[in-house]
Protein backbone atom coordinates (compact mmCIF):
# COMPACT_ATOMS: atom_id res chain seq x y z
CA LYS A 1 -13.83 17.49 9.13
CA LYS A 2 -10.96 18.52 6.80
CA SER A 3 -11.70 21.15 4.62
CA LEU A 4 -11.48 20.28 0.35
CA THR A 5 -8.43 22.59 0.63
CA GLU A 6 -6.73 21.40 3.85
CA ILE A 7 -7.34 17.78 1.71
CA LYS A 8 -6.03 19.47 -1.93
CA ASP A 9 -3.34 21.21 1.02
CA VAL A 10 -2.12 17.90 2.10
CA LEU A 11 -1.61 15.95 -1.33
CA ALA A 12 0.63 19.05 -2.91
CA SER A 13 2.01 18.37 0.02
CA ARG A 14 3.05 15.36 -1.34
CA GLY A 15 3.12 15.89 -5.06
CA LEU A 16 -0.07 14.84 -6.07
CA SER A 17 -2.87 16.99 -6.50
CA LEU A 18 -6.95 16.16 -6.75
CA GLY A 19 -6.94 14.60 -10.62
CA SER A 20 -4.07 13.83 -11.01
CA ARG A 21 -3.80 9.74 -12.43
CA LEU A 22 -1.47 7.27 -10.82
CA GLU A 23 -0.82 5.63 -13.78
CA ASN A 24 1.66 3.51 -12.28
CA TRP A 25 -0.86 2.60 -9.57
CA PRO A 26 -1.19 0.00 -8.54
CA PRO A 27 2.24 -1.39 -8.81
CA ALA A 28 3.37 -4.57 -10.40
CA GLY A 29 2.67 -7.25 -8.48
CA PHE A 30 0.34 -5.88 -5.57
CA ALA A 31 -2.75 -7.01 -6.12
CA ARG A 32 -2.54 -9.36 -8.38
CA GLU A 33 -3.43 -11.89 -6.60
CA GLU A 34 -6.84 -10.42 -6.79
CA SER A 35 -6.79 -10.09 -10.00
CA ALA A 36 -5.55 -13.40 -10.84
C-alpha cells in the first residue's frame, strides 16, 4: 500500500495536488454517450 505522502508526491510530480479541482475534466465529449 502506498502511503498518503507517496500518493501526494506522485500527484505533485504530475503537476497536480490533492484537492485541486479539474475544471476541464472530463474533456468535452468524453462521457457524452453515458450522460446523454
